[in-house]
Amino acid sequence: MEEENIHEIDFDKDIKDAEQDGDYRRAIRLLFLKVLKNLSDAELIYWDSNKTNYQYLYELKGTNIYSQFVKCVNVFDVVWYGEWKIDQSYYLTNKPLFEEISKGSTKGKTAVFNG
């Protein structure tokens, strides 16, 4: 697979395309990458394509969004790496989890960190 730069993806368009194609697995992946981009933009993580999701979890330890990010990682890992064939119902149930953390992460480091 070709290496992607999350800062060059048109997430809204690509997510909409995946939804319209019924490719909910790809849509979950794009939602997760969008979360990573937003966390990186907010300087809550340092994005690197070679990092694991658990390295990002470590970076977010102690933040208000840690437990929510754990849920995103769990959904993404099962869907993407577990190669689940998910249906629209599963997708629509989990999509808000990714959207909520993306919205919260745009508030920046001072609004998200405890202390």
Protein backbone atom coordinates (compact mmCIF):
# COMPACT_ATOMS: atom_id res chain seq x y z
CA MET A 1 0.00 0.00 0.00
CA GLU A 2 1.24 3.44 -0.90
CA GLU A 3 2.11 5.66 2.05
CA GLU A 4 -0.44 8.40 2.63
CA ASN A 5 0.05 11.86 3.99
CA ILE A 6 -2.96 12.59 6.19
CA HIS A 7 -2.47 16.29 5.61
CA GLU A 8 -3.17 15.90 1.88
CA ILE A 9 -6.38 13.84 2.01
CA ASP A 10 -9.75 15.48 1.28
CA PHE A 11 -11.47 13.63 4.10
CA ASP A 12 -14.98 15.01 3.67
CA LYS A 13 -15.04 14.09 -0.02
CA ASP A 14 -13.37 10.70 0.42
CA ILE A 15 -15.60 9.72 3.36
CA LYS A 16 -18.71 10.73 1.41
CA ASP A 17 -17.49 8.72 -1.60
CA ALA A 18 -16.87 5.64 0.57
CA GLU A 19 -20.32 5.95 2.13
CA GLN A 20 -21.97 6.30 -1.27
CA ASP A 21 -20.05 3.23 -2.49
CA GLY A 22 -21.18 1.26 0.57
CA ASP A 23 -17.52 0.77 1.48
CA TYR A 24 -18.03 1.30 5.21
CA ARG A 25 -14.73 -0.36 6.09
CA ARG A 26 -12.84 2.25 4.07
CA ALA A 27 -15.04 4.98 5.55
CA ILE A 28 -14.07 3.89 9.10
CA ARG A 29 -10.41 3.98 8.08
CA LEU A 30 -10.81 7.50 6.69
CA LEU A 31 -12.65 8.65 9.81
CA PHE A 32 -9.79 7.31 11.91
CA LEU A 33 -7.15 9.01 9.78
CA LYS A 34 -9.14 12.24 10.05
CA VAL A 35 -9.03 11.89 13.85
CA LEU A 36 -5.25 11.48 13.67
CA LYS A 37 -4.95 14.54 11.43
CA ASN A 38 -7.04 16.66 13.78
CA LEU A 39 -5.09 15.49 16.81
CA SER A 40 -1.87 16.31 14.98
CA ASP A 41 -3.16 19.73 13.92
CA ALA A 42 -4.10 20.43 17.55
CA GLU A 43 -0.57 19.38 18.57
CA LEU A 44 -1.92 16.61 20.79
CA ILE A 45 0.07 13.95 18.94
CA TYR A 46 3.04 13.94 16.66
CA TRP A 47 1.84 12.16 13.52
CA ASP A 48 4.21 9.77 11.79
CA SER A 49 3.09 7.14 9.31
CA ASN A 50 5.36 4.59 11.00
CA LYS A 51 3.82 4.97 14.46
CA THR A 52 1.40 2.47 15.88
CA ASN A 53 -1.99 3.36 17.30
CA TYR A 54 -0.66 2.43 20.72
CA GLN A 55 2.09 5.02 20.43
CA TYR A 56 -0.62 7.61 19.85
CA LEU A 57 -2.50 6.30 22.88
CA TYR A 58 0.63 6.81 24.94
CA GLU A 59 0.88 10.41 23.72
CA LEU A 60 -2.73 11.06 24.71
CA LYS A 61 -2.47 9.52 28.17
CA GLY A 62 -3.78 11.96 30.76
CA THR A 63 -5.97 13.91 28.31
CA ASN A 64 -9.74 14.26 28.42
CA ILE A 65 -10.02 12.45 25.10
CA TYR A 66 -7.91 9.40 25.98
CA SER A 67 -10.80 7.01 26.71
CA GLN A 68 -12.66 8.17 23.62
CA PHE A 69 -9.56 7.62 21.49
CA VAL A 70 -9.23 4.11 22.96
CA LYS A 71 -12.73 3.36 21.62
CA CYS A 72 -11.80 4.74 18.18
CA VAL A 73 -8.66 2.62 18.10
CA ASN A 74 -10.62 -0.49 19.10
CA VAL A 75 -13.23 0.02 16.38
CA PHE A 76 -10.60 0.85 13.75
CA ASP A 77 -8.35 -2.09 14.66
CA VAL A 78 -11.19 -4.61 14.49
CA VAL A 79 -12.62 -3.21 11.26
CA TRP A 80 -9.38 -2.50 9.40
CA TYR A 81 -6.87 -5.03 10.68
CA GLY A 82 -9.49 -7.66 11.51
CA GLU A 83 -10.83 -7.14 7.98
CA TRP A 84 -14.44 -7.07 9.13
CA LYS A 85 -17.06 -6.67 6.47
CA ILE A 86 -19.23 -4.12 8.23
CA ASP A 87 -22.72 -3.05 7.30
CA GLN A 88 -24.33 0.37 7.28
CA SER A 89 -25.89 -0.15 10.72
CA TYR A 90 -22.52 -0.86 12.38
CA TYR A 91 -20.98 2.07 10.54
CA LEU A 92 -23.71 4.52 11.52
CA THR A 93 -23.50 3.36 15.14
CA ASN A 94 -19.76 4.04 15.32
CA LYS A 95 -19.35 7.06 13.03
CA PRO A 96 -20.35 9.57 15.78
CA LEU A 97 -17.52 8.31 17.99
CA PHE A 98 -14.96 9.44 15.40
CA GLU A 99 -16.77 12.68 14.64
CA GLU A 100 -17.01 13.65 18.30
CA ILE A 101 -13.31 13.19 18.98
CA SER A 102 -12.46 15.06 15.78
CA LYS A 103 -14.56 18.02 16.92
CA GLY A 104 -13.06 17.94 20.41
CA SER A 105 -9.51 17.74 19.16
CA THR A 106 -9.85 20.97 17.20
CA LYS A 107 -10.16 22.88 20.47
CA GLY A 108 -6.43 22.55 20.90
CA LYS A 109 -4.04 21.38 23.52
CA THR A 110 -5.09 23.73 26.32
CA ALA A 111 -8.75 22.78 26.10
CA VAL A 112 -8.07 19.05 26.02
CA PHE A 113 -5.30 18.43 28.51
CA ASN A 114 -6.10 18.02 32.18
CA GLY A 115 -4.40 20.45 34.53
